Amino acid sequence: MGNSASGEELSAALKQGAMIVDVRSPGEFAGGHATGAVNYPLGGLASKMDTLKQTGKPVVFCCASGGRSGSATDMAKGVLPQEVINGGPWQNVQKVVSSM
C-alpha cells in the first residue's frame, strides 16, 4: 500500500481543487470527517470510479488510520487518469484543509 502523502503534497493537490474521498463506513464518517469530504466506503468504491474520473481533478483518499485509503489509492491508480493521493487519516487531511 502507498504511504501517506506529505502535508506539502496534500496542500498542492487541494489547491488544485482535489476531491477528498473518505473511504470509511457511513457510521465512521458521521462521527467526523474532513471538511468537504464525500463518503464512498471502500467496499463500494469500484462503482464510484467513473464519477471520480469525470471530475478530472486530483483525488485524495482518507480513512481512520491510512490502511483503507492506501488500498483505495492503489485501486484508483490503475483506473483514474488524474493524480490520486493517499491522504492517510482523515484528521491529517483536515489539518491541511484548515491551514489553507
PDB file of N, CA and C in Angstrom:
ATOM      1  N   MET A   1       0.842  -1.190   0.000  1.00  0.00           N
ATOM      2  CA  MET A   1       0.000   0.000   0.000  1.00  0.00           C
ATOM      3  C   MET A   1       0.880   1.243   0.000  1.00  0.00           C
ATOM      4  N   GLY A   2       0.401   2.266  -0.698  1.00  0.00           N
ATOM      5  CA  GLY A   2       1.169   3.500  -0.770  1.00  0.00           C
ATOM      6  C   GLY A   2       1.234   4.198   0.573  1.00  0.00           C
ATOM      7  N   ASN A   3       2.353   4.841   0.826  1.00  0.00           N
ATOM      8  CA  ASN A   3       2.494   5.618   2.055  1.00  0.00           C
ATOM      9  C   ASN A   3       1.633   6.865   1.980  1.00  0.00           C
ATOM     10  N   SER A   4       1.288   7.404   3.132  1.00  0.00           N
ATOM     11  CA  SER A   4       0.503   8.632   3.182  1.00  0.00           C
ATOM     12  C   SER A   4       1.310   9.786   2.611  1.00  0.00           C
ATOM     13  N   ALA A   5       0.604  10.693   1.973  1.00  0.00           N
ATOM     14  CA  ALA A   5       1.233  11.863   1.365  1.00  0.00           C
ATOM     15  C   ALA A   5       1.723  12.827   2.438  1.00  0.00           C
ATOM     16  N   SER A   6       2.699  13.630   2.073  1.00  0.00           N
ATOM     17  CA  SER A   6       3.177  14.679   2.976  1.00  0.00           C
ATOM     18  C   SER A   6       2.178  15.829   2.985  1.00  0.00           C
ATOM     19  N   GLY A   7       2.306  16.698   3.964  1.00  0.00           N
ATOM     20  CA  GLY A   7       1.444  17.875   4.024  1.00  0.00           C
ATOM     21  C   GLY A   7       1.568  18.730   2.790  1.00  0.00           C
ATOM     22  N   GLU A   8       2.789  18.827   2.237  1.00  0.00           N
ATOM     23  CA  GLU A   8       3.006  19.638   1.030  1.00  0.00           C
ATOM     24  C   GLU A   8       2.259  19.035  -0.162  1.00  0.00           C
ATOM     25  N   GLU A   9       2.315  17.702  -0.288  1.00  0.00           N
ATOM     26  CA  GLU A   9       1.616  17.038  -1.393  1.00  0.00           C
ATOM     27  C   GLU A   9       0.104  17.243  -1.266  1.00  0.00           C
ATOM     28  N   LEU A  10      -0.398  17.082  -0.060  1.00  0.00           N
ATOM     29  CA  LEU A  10      -1.832  17.285   0.161  1.00  0.00           C
ATOM     30  C   LEU A  10      -2.235  18.713  -0.152  1.00  0.00           C
ATOM     31  N   SER A  11      -1.454  19.652   0.343  1.00  0.00           N
ATOM     32  CA  SER A  11      -1.755  21.059   0.121  1.00  0.00           C
ATOM     33  C   SER A  11      -1.776  21.389  -1.367  1.00  0.00           C
ATOM     34  N   ALA A  12      -0.783  20.895  -2.106  1.00  0.00           N
ATOM     35  CA  ALA A  12      -0.715  21.161  -3.546  1.00  0.00           C
ATOM     36  C   ALA A  12      -1.935  20.597  -4.262  1.00  0.00           C
ATOM     37  N   ALA A  13      -2.324  19.367  -3.916  1.00  0.00           N
ATOM     38  CA  ALA A  13      -3.483  18.743  -4.555  1.00  0.00           C
ATOM     39  C   ALA A  13      -4.764  19.489  -4.217  1.00  0.00           C
ATOM     40  N   LEU A  14      -4.910  19.879  -2.953  1.00  0.00           N
ATOM     41  CA  LEU A  14      -6.124  20.586  -2.541  1.00  0.00           C
ATOM     42  C   LEU A  14      -6.209  21.964  -3.202  1.00  0.00           C
ATOM     43  N   LYS A  15      -5.074  22.603  -3.413  1.00  0.00           N
ATOM     44  CA  LYS A  15      -5.078  23.895  -4.111  1.00  0.00           C
ATOM     45  C   LYS A  15      -5.506  23.733  -5.562  1.00  0.00           C
ATOM     46  N   GLN A  16      -5.325  22.531  -6.112  1.00  0.00           N
ATOM     47  CA  GLN A  16      -5.771  22.239  -7.479  1.00  0.00           C
ATOM     48  C   GLN A  16      -7.241  21.816  -7.507  1.00  0.00           C
ATOM     49  N   GLY A  17      -7.894  21.868  -6.364  1.00  0.00           N
ATOM     50  CA  GLY A  17      -9.312  21.511  -6.308  1.00  0.00           C
ATOM     51  C   GLY A  17      -9.573  20.031  -6.113  1.00  0.00           C
ATOM     52  N   ALA A  18      -8.624  19.325  -5.515  1.00  0.00           N
ATOM     53  CA  ALA A  18      -8.781  17.881  -5.318  1.00  0.00           C
ATOM     54  C   ALA A  18     -10.080  17.542  -4.600  1.00  0.00           C
ATOM     55  N   MET A  19     -10.611  16.394  -4.966  1.00  0.00           N
ATOM     56  CA  MET A  19     -11.791  15.852  -4.300  1.00  0.00           C
ATOM     57  C   MET A  19     -11.302  14.989  -3.139  1.00  0.00           C
ATOM     58  N   ILE A  20     -11.840  15.210  -1.944  1.00  0.00           N
ATOM     59  CA  ILE A  20     -11.481  14.410  -0.776  1.00  0.00           C
ATOM     60  C   ILE A  20     -12.511  13.296  -0.639  1.00  0.00           C
ATOM     61  N   VAL A  21     -12.030  12.061  -0.691  1.00  0.00           N
ATOM     62  CA  VAL A  21     -12.910  10.898  -0.594  1.00  0.00           C
ATOM     63  C   VAL A  21     -12.544  10.107   0.658  1.00  0.00           C
ATOM     64  N   ASP A  22     -13.480  10.041   1.596  1.00  0.00           N
ATOM     65  CA  ASP A  22     -13.314   9.296   2.839  1.00  0.00           C
ATOM     66  C   ASP A  22     -13.877   7.898   2.589  1.00  0.00           C
ATOM     67  N   VAL A  23     -13.036   6.871   2.737  1.00  0.00           N
ATOM     68  CA  VAL A  23     -13.454   5.510   2.405  1.00  0.00           C
ATOM     69  C   VAL A  23     -13.875   4.687   3.631  1.00  0.00           C
ATOM     70  N   ARG A  24     -14.147   5.358   4.747  1.00  0.00           N
ATOM     71  CA  ARG A  24     -14.641   4.661   5.943  1.00  0.00           C
ATOM     72  C   ARG A  24     -16.132   4.359   5.787  1.00  0.00           C
ATOM     73  N   SER A  25     -16.669   3.651   6.764  1.00  0.00           N
ATOM     74  CA  SER A  25     -18.099   3.336   6.763  1.00  0.00           C
ATOM     75  C   SER A  25     -18.908   4.611   7.004  1.00  0.00           C
ATOM     76  N   PRO A  26     -20.178   4.608   6.597  1.00  0.00           N
ATOM     77  CA  PRO A  26     -21.019   5.793   6.849  1.00  0.00           C
ATOM     78  C   PRO A  26     -21.072   6.174   8.329  1.00  0.00           C
ATOM     79  N   GLY A  27     -21.084   5.173   9.223  1.00  0.00           N
ATOM     80  CA  GLY A  27     -21.113   5.459  10.653  1.00  0.00           C
ATOM     81  C   GLY A  27     -19.855   6.171  11.119  1.00  0.00           C
ATOM     82  N   GLU A  28     -18.693   5.701  10.635  1.00  0.00           N
ATOM     83  CA  GLU A  28     -17.430   6.361  10.987  1.00  0.00           C
ATOM     84  C   GLU A  28     -17.410   7.788  10.433  1.00  0.00           C
ATOM     85  N   PHE A  29     -17.861   7.939   9.198  1.00  0.00           N
ATOM     86  CA  PHE A  29     -17.882   9.250   8.540  1.00  0.00           C
ATOM     87  C   PHE A  29     -18.761  10.224   9.324  1.00  0.00           C
ATOM     88  N   ALA A  30     -19.916   9.734   9.793  1.00  0.00           N
ATOM     89  CA  ALA A  30     -20.842  10.576  10.552  1.00  0.00           C
ATOM     90  C   ALA A  30     -20.221  11.064  11.857  1.00  0.00           C
ATOM     91  N   GLY A  31     -19.250  10.311  12.386  1.00  0.00           N
ATOM     92  CA  GLY A  31     -18.598  10.678  13.635  1.00  0.00           C
ATOM     93  C   GLY A  31     -17.542  11.767  13.485  1.00  0.00           C
ATOM     94  N   GLY A  32     -17.284  12.185  12.258  1.00  0.00           N
ATOM     95  CA  GLY A  32     -16.302  13.233  11.998  1.00  0.00           C
ATOM     96  C   GLY A  32     -15.580  12.955  10.703  1.00  0.00           C
ATOM     97  N   HIS A  33     -15.317  14.016   9.927  1.00  0.00           N
ATOM     98  CA  HIS A  33     -14.632  13.864   8.646  1.00  0.00           C
ATOM     99  C   HIS A  33     -14.032  15.197   8.220  1.00  0.00           C
ATOM    100  N   ALA A  34     -13.150  15.138   7.239  1.00  0.00           N
ATOM    101  CA  ALA A  34     -12.521  16.352   6.730  1.00  0.00           C
ATOM    102  C   ALA A  34     -13.565  17.228   6.035  1.00  0.00           C
ATOM    103  N   THR A  35     -13.444  18.520   6.209  1.00  0.00           N
ATOM    104  CA  THR A  35     -14.358  19.473   5.580  1.00  0.00           C
ATOM    105  C   THR A  35     -14.356  19.283   4.064  1.00  0.00           C
ATOM    106  N   GLY A  36     -15.537  19.122   3.499  1.00  0.00           N
ATOM    107  CA  GLY A  36     -15.673  18.975   2.054  1.00  0.00           C
ATOM    108  C   GLY A  36     -15.545  17.551   1.542  1.00  0.00           C
ATOM    109  N   ALA A  37     -15.285  16.602   2.434  1.00  0.00           N
ATOM    110  CA  ALA A  37     -15.110  15.210   2.006  1.00  0.00           C
ATOM    111  C   ALA A  37     -16.440  14.576   1.616  1.00  0.00           C
ATOM    112  N   VAL A  38     -16.364  13.628   0.681  1.00  0.00           N
ATOM    113  CA  VAL A  38     -17.509  12.788   0.346  1.00  0.00           C
ATOM    114  C   VAL A  38     -17.216  11.396   0.898  1.00  0.00           C
ATOM    115  N   ASN A  39     -18.264  10.650   1.206  1.00  0.00           N
ATOM    116  CA  ASN A  39     -18.111   9.322   1.795  1.00  0.00           C
ATOM    117  C   ASN A  39     -18.425   8.255   0.755  1.00  0.00           C
ATOM    118  N   TYR A  40     -17.375   7.607   0.255  1.00  0.00           N
ATOM    119  CA  TYR A  40     -17.511   6.461  -0.647  1.00  0.00           C
ATOM    120  C   TYR A  40     -16.813   5.293   0.052  1.00  0.00           C
ATOM    121  N   PRO A  41     -17.548   4.493   0.843  1.00  0.00           N
ATOM    122  CA  PRO A  41     -16.915   3.384   1.562  1.00  0.00           C
ATOM    123  C   PRO A  41     -16.108   2.477   0.630  1.00  0.00           C
ATOM    124  N   LEU A  42     -14.988   1.976   1.139  1.00  0.00           N
ATOM    125  CA  LEU A  42     -14.056   1.192   0.335  1.00  0.00           C
ATOM    126  C   LEU A  42     -14.747   0.045  -0.397  1.00  0.00           C
ATOM    127  N   GLY A  43     -15.677  -0.637   0.270  1.00  0.00           N
ATOM    128  CA  GLY A  43     -16.347  -1.788  -0.348  1.00  0.00           C
ATOM    129  C   GLY A  43     -17.105  -1.453  -1.620  1.00  0.00           C
ATOM    130  N   GLY A  44     -17.566  -0.208  -1.748  1.00  0.00           N
ATOM    131  CA  GLY A  44     -18.319   0.185  -2.939  1.00  0.00           C
ATOM    132  C   GLY A  44     -17.572   1.148  -3.835  1.00  0.00           C
ATOM    133  N   LEU A  45     -16.283   1.318  -3.572  1.00  0.00           N
ATOM    134  CA  LEU A  45     -15.508   2.326  -4.296  1.00  0.00           C
ATOM    135  C   LEU A  45     -15.423   2.051  -5.798  1.00  0.00           C
ATOM    136  N   ALA A  46     -15.323   0.800  -6.182  1.00  0.00           N
ATOM    137  CA  ALA A  46     -15.198   0.468  -7.610  1.00  0.00           C
ATOM    138  C   ALA A  46     -16.346   1.063  -8.417  1.00  0.00           C
ATOM    139  N   SER A  47     -17.546   1.095  -7.837  1.00  0.00           N
ATOM    140  CA  SER A  47     -18.712   1.620  -8.558  1.00  0.00           C
ATOM    141  C   SER A  47     -18.687   3.144  -8.675  1.00  0.00           C
ATOM    142  N   LYS A  48     -17.776   3.799  -7.956  1.00  0.00           N
ATOM    143  CA  LYS A  48     -17.687   5.262  -7.991  1.00  0.00           C
ATOM    144  C   LYS A  48     -16.549   5.759  -8.892  1.00  0.00           C
ATOM    145  N   MET A  49     -15.780   4.848  -9.487  1.00  0.00           N
ATOM    146  CA  MET A  49     -14.611   5.263 -10.271  1.00  0.00           C
ATOM    147  C   MET A  49     -14.977   6.162 -11.452  1.00  0.00           C
ATOM    148  N   ASP A  50     -16.096   5.855 -12.146  1.00  0.00           N
ATOM    149  CA  ASP A  50     -16.491   6.702 -13.272  1.00  0.00           C
ATOM    150  C   ASP A  50     -16.821   8.111 -12.801  1.00  0.00           C
ATOM    151  N   THR A  51     -17.493   8.212 -11.648  1.00  0.00           N
ATOM    152  CA  THR A  51     -17.820   9.521 -11.085  1.00  0.00           C
ATOM    153  C   THR A  51     -16.536  10.298 -10.791  1.00  0.00           C
ATOM    154  N   LEU A  52     -15.563   9.626 -10.182  1.00  0.00           N
ATOM    155  CA  LEU A  52     -14.295  10.285  -9.860  1.00  0.00           C
ATOM    156  C   LEU A  52     -13.541  10.676 -11.129  1.00  0.00           C
ATOM    157  N   LYS A  53     -13.566   9.807 -12.126  1.00  0.00           N
ATOM    158  CA  LYS A  53     -12.870  10.074 -13.388  1.00  0.00           C
ATOM    159  C   LYS A  53     -13.429  11.336 -14.047  1.00  0.00           C
ATOM    160  N   GLN A  54     -14.744  11.507 -13.988  1.00  0.00           N
ATOM    161  CA  GLN A  54     -15.398  12.638 -14.650  1.00  0.00           C
ATOM    162  C   GLN A  54     -15.033  13.979 -14.028  1.00  0.00           C
ATOM    163  N   THR A  55     -14.602  14.001 -12.781  1.00  0.00           N
ATOM    164  CA  THR A  55     -14.241  15.284 -12.164  1.00  0.00           C
ATOM    165  C   THR A  55     -12.980  15.852 -12.804  1.00  0.00           C
ATOM    166  N   GLY A  56     -12.085  14.971 -13.242  1.00  0.00           N
ATOM    167  CA  GLY A  56     -10.832  15.413 -13.828  1.00  0.00           C
ATOM    168  C   GLY A  56      -9.880  16.050 -12.827  1.00  0.00           C
ATOM    169  N   LYS A  57     -10.257  16.047 -11.563  1.00  0.00           N
ATOM    170  CA  LYS A  57      -9.441  16.681 -10.512  1.00  0.00           C
ATOM    171  C   LYS A  57      -8.695  15.614  -9.727  1.00  0.00           C
ATOM    172  N   PRO A  58      -7.592  15.992  -9.077  1.00  0.00           N
ATOM    173  CA  PRO A  58      -6.905  15.024  -8.223  1.00  0.00           C
ATOM    174  C   PRO A  58      -7.865  14.485  -7.164  1.00  0.00           C
ATOM    175  N   VAL A  59      -7.584  13.277  -6.693  1.00  0.00           N
ATOM    176  CA  VAL A  59      -8.415  12.654  -5.663  1.00  0.00           C
ATOM    177  C   VAL A  59      -7.528  12.324  -4.466  1.00  0.00           C
ATOM    178  N   VAL A  60      -7.966  12.767  -3.289  1.00  0.00           N
ATOM    179  CA  VAL A  60      -7.271  12.474  -2.035  1.00  0.00           C
ATOM    180  C   VAL A  60      -8.152  11.517  -1.245  1.00  0.00           C
ATOM    181  N   PHE A  61      -7.638  10.308  -0.997  1.00  0.00           N
ATOM    182  CA  PHE A  61      -8.370   9.332  -0.203  1.00  0.00           C
ATOM    183  C   PHE A  61      -7.931   9.435   1.257  1.00  0.00           C
ATOM    184  N   CYS A  62      -8.883   9.271   2.181  1.00  0.00           N
ATOM    185  CA  CYS A  62      -8.552   9.240   3.601  1.00  0.00           C
ATOM    186  C   CYS A  62      -9.444   8.228   4.302  1.00  0.00           C
ATOM    187  N   CYS A  63      -9.035   7.861   5.521  1.00  0.00           N
ATOM    188  CA  CYS A  63      -9.805   6.897   6.317  1.00  0.00           C
ATOM    189  C   CYS A  63      -9.479   7.133   7.788  1.00  0.00           C
ATOM    190  N   ALA A  64      -9.451   6.089   8.589  1.00  0.00           N
ATOM    191  CA  ALA A  64      -9.171   6.241  10.016  1.00  0.00           C
ATOM    192  C   ALA A  64      -7.675   6.242  10.303  1.00  0.00           C
ATOM    193  N   SER A  65      -6.945   5.310   9.677  1.00  0.00           N
ATOM    194  CA  SER A  65      -5.521   5.168  10.004  1.00  0.00           C
ATOM    195  C   SER A  65      -4.596   5.267   8.804  1.00  0.00           C
ATOM    196  N   GLY A  66      -5.126   5.144   7.605  1.00  0.00           N
ATOM    197  CA  GLY A  66      -4.313   5.167   6.400  1.00  0.00           C
ATOM    198  C   GLY A  66      -4.296   3.843   5.660  1.00  0.00           C
ATOM    199  N   GLY A  67      -4.803   2.791   6.279  1.00  0.00           N
ATOM    200  CA  GLY A  67      -4.823   1.475   5.635  1.00  0.00           C
ATOM    201  C   GLY A  67      -5.815   1.388   4.491  1.00  0.00           C
ATOM    202  N   ARG A  68      -7.065   1.739   4.764  1.00  0.00           N
ATOM    203  CA  ARG A  68      -8.088   1.666   3.717  1.00  0.00           C
ATOM    204  C   ARG A  68      -7.839   2.708   2.632  1.00  0.00           C
ATOM    205  N   SER A  69      -7.344   3.889   3.016  1.00  0.00           N
ATOM    206  CA  SER A  69      -7.061   4.904   1.993  1.00  0.00           C
ATOM    207  C   SER A  69      -5.898   4.456   1.110  1.00  0.00           C
ATOM    208  N   GLY A  70      -4.961   3.694   1.679  1.00  0.00           N
ATOM    209  CA  GLY A  70      -3.875   3.128   0.878  1.00  0.00           C
ATOM    210  C   GLY A  70      -4.411   2.131  -0.133  1.00  0.00           C
ATOM    211  N   SER A  71      -5.338   1.280   0.305  1.00  0.00           N
ATOM    212  CA  SER A  71      -5.965   0.314  -0.610  1.00  0.00           C
ATOM    213  C   SER A  71      -6.740   1.042  -1.711  1.00  0.00           C
ATOM    214  N   ALA A  72      -7.465   2.072  -1.325  1.00  0.00           N
ATOM    215  CA  ALA A  72      -8.236   2.852  -2.303  1.00  0.00           C
ATOM    216  C   ALA A  72      -7.312   3.517  -3.319  1.00  0.00           C
ATOM    217  N   THR A  73      -6.197   4.062  -2.845  1.00  0.00           N
ATOM    218  CA  THR A  73      -5.239   4.721  -3.727  1.00  0.00           C
ATOM    219  C   THR A  73      -4.668   3.715  -4.719  1.00  0.00           C
ATOM    220  N   ASP A  74      -4.283   2.545  -4.222  1.00  0.00           N
ATOM    221  CA  ASP A  74      -3.742   1.508  -5.107  1.00  0.00           C
ATOM    222  C   ASP A  74      -4.776   1.089  -6.150  1.00  0.00           C
ATOM    223  N   MET A  75      -6.041   0.951  -5.742  1.00  0.00           N
ATOM    224  CA  MET A  75      -7.110   0.572  -6.655  1.00  0.00           C
ATOM    225  C   MET A  75      -7.313   1.647  -7.732  1.00  0.00           C
ATOM    226  N   ALA A  76      -7.328   2.903  -7.314  1.00  0.00           N
ATOM    227  CA  ALA A  76      -7.622   4.003  -8.233  1.00  0.00           C
ATOM    228  C   ALA A  76      -6.483   4.274  -9.209  1.00  0.00           C
ATOM    229  N   LYS A  77      -5.250   4.004  -8.807  1.00  0.00           N
ATOM    230  CA  LYS A  77      -4.102   4.274  -9.679  1.00  0.00           C
ATOM    231  C   LYS A  77      -4.189   3.512 -10.991  1.00  0.00           C
ATOM    232  N   GLY A  78      -4.813   2.360 -10.986  1.00  0.00           N
ATOM    233  CA  GLY A  78      -4.953   1.591 -12.215  1.00  0.00           C
ATOM    234  C   GLY A  78      -6.135   2.001 -13.066  1.00  0.00           C
ATOM    235  N   VAL A  79      -6.985   2.891 -12.540  1.00  0.00           N
ATOM    236  CA  VAL A  79      -8.242   3.224 -13.210  1.00  0.00           C
ATOM    237  C   VAL A  79      -8.342   4.704 -13.574  1.00  0.00           C
ATOM    238  N   LEU A  80      -7.953   5.572 -12.658  1.00  0.00           N
ATOM    239  CA  LEU A  80      -8.137   7.008 -12.864  1.00  0.00           C
ATOM    240  C   LEU A  80      -6.925   7.633 -13.566  1.00  0.00           C
ATOM    241  N   PRO A  81      -7.186   8.508 -14.548  1.00  0.00           N
ATOM    242  CA  PRO A  81      -6.078   9.163 -15.243  1.00  0.00           C
ATOM    243  C   PRO A  81      -5.456  10.297 -14.435  1.00  0.00           C
ATOM    244  N   GLN A  82      -6.221  10.880 -13.510  1.00  0.00           N
ATOM    245  CA  GLN A  82      -5.712  12.008 -12.727  1.00  0.00           C
ATOM    246  C   GLN A  82      -4.901  11.529 -11.524  1.00  0.00           C
ATOM    247  N   GLU A  83      -4.258  12.452 -10.855  1.00  0.00           N
ATOM    248  CA  GLU A  83      -3.449  12.140  -9.672  1.00  0.00           C
ATOM    249  C   GLU A  83      -4.326  11.606  -8.552  1.00  0.00           C
ATOM    250  N   VAL A  84      -3.871  10.546  -7.904  1.00  0.00           N
ATOM    251  CA  VAL A  84      -4.552  10.002  -6.731  1.00  0.00           C
ATOM    252  C   VAL A  84      -3.547   9.958  -5.591  1.00  0.00           C
ATOM    253  N   ILE A  85      -4.010  10.358  -4.416  1.00  0.00           N
ATOM    254  CA  ILE A  85      -3.130  10.524  -3.259  1.00  0.00           C
ATOM    255  C   ILE A  85      -3.726   9.825  -2.048  1.00  0.00           C
ATOM    256  N   ASN A  86      -2.869   9.123  -1.318  1.00  0.00           N
ATOM    257  CA  ASN A  86      -3.277   8.555  -0.037  1.00  0.00           C
ATOM    258  C   ASN A  86      -3.075   9.636   1.017  1.00  0.00           C
ATOM    259  N   GLY A  87      -4.173  10.227   1.457  1.00  0.00           N
ATOM    260  CA  GLY A  87      -4.105  11.278   2.470  1.00  0.00           C
ATOM    261  C   GLY A  87      -3.928  10.743   3.875  1.00  0.00           C
ATOM    262  N   GLY A  88      -4.059   9.412   4.050  1.00  0.00           N
ATOM    263  CA  GLY A  88      -3.916   8.818   5.374  1.00  0.00           C
ATOM    264  C   GLY A  88      -5.116   9.105   6.255  1.00  0.00           C
ATOM    265  N   PRO A  89      -4.894   9.249   7.564  1.00  0.00           N
ATOM    266  CA  PRO A  89      -6.017   9.528   8.477  1.00  0.00           C
ATOM    267  C   PRO A  89      -6.732  10.824   8.108  1.00  0.00           C
ATOM    268  N   TRP A  90      -8.047  10.814   8.241  1.00  0.00           N
ATOM    269  CA  TRP A  90      -8.822  11.999   7.847  1.00  0.00           C
ATOM    270  C   TRP A  90      -8.412  13.232   8.641  1.00  0.00           C
ATOM    271  N   GLN A  91      -7.933  13.035   9.863  1.00  0.00           N
ATOM    272  CA  GLN A  91      -7.517  14.184  10.670  1.00  0.00           C
ATOM    273  C   GLN A  91      -6.312  14.901  10.032  1.00  0.00           C
ATOM    274  N   ASN A  92      -5.431  14.133   9.387  1.00  0.00           N
ATOM    275  CA  ASN A  92      -4.293  14.747   8.693  1.00  0.00           C
ATOM    276  C   ASN A  92      -4.773  15.625   7.540  1.00  0.00           C
ATOM    277  N   VAL A  93      -5.750  15.118   6.804  1.00  0.00           N
ATOM    278  CA  VAL A  93      -6.314  15.881   5.690  1.00  0.00           C
ATOM    279  C   VAL A  93      -6.996  17.135   6.225  1.00  0.00           C
ATOM    280  N   GLN A  94      -7.728  16.992   7.326  1.00  0.00           N
ATOM    281  CA  GLN A  94      -8.414  18.145   7.920  1.00  0.00           C
ATOM    282  C   GLN A  94      -7.426  19.218   8.347  1.00  0.00           C
ATOM    283  N   LYS A  95      -6.273  18.822   8.899  1.00  0.00           N
ATOM    284  CA  LYS A  95      -5.258  19.806   9.290  1.00  0.00           C
ATOM    285  C   LYS A  95      -4.827  20.649   8.105  1.00  0.00           C
ATOM    286  N   VAL A  96      -4.612  20.006   6.973  1.00  0.00           N
ATOM    287  CA  VAL A  96      -4.190  20.728   5.772  1.00  0.00           C
ATOM    288  C   VAL A  96      -5.315  21.626   5.271  1.00  0.00           C
ATOM    289  N   VAL A  97      -6.545  21.093   5.240  1.00  0.00           N
ATOM    290  CA  VAL A  97      -7.696  21.900   4.811  1.00  0.00           C
ATOM    291  C   VAL A  97      -7.837  23.127   5.706  1.00  0.00           C
ATOM    292  N   SER A  98      -7.690  22.944   7.007  1.00  0.00           N
ATOM    293  CA  SER A  98      -7.855  24.049   7.964  1.00  0.00           C
ATOM    294  C   SER A  98      -6.774  25.110   7.824  1.00  0.00           C
ATOM    295  N   SER A  99      -5.593  24.703   7.346  1.00  0.00           N
ATOM    296  CA  SER A  99      -4.487  25.655   7.245  1.00  0.00           C
ATOM    297  C   SER A  99      -4.493  26.441   5.939  1.00  0.00           C
ATOM    298  N   MET A 100      -5.437  26.135   5.053  1.00  0.00           N
ATOM    299  CA  MET A 100      -5.464  26.801   3.741  1.00  0.00           C
ATOM    300  C   MET A 100      -6.276  28.078   3.783  1.00  0.00           C
TER     301      MET A 100
END
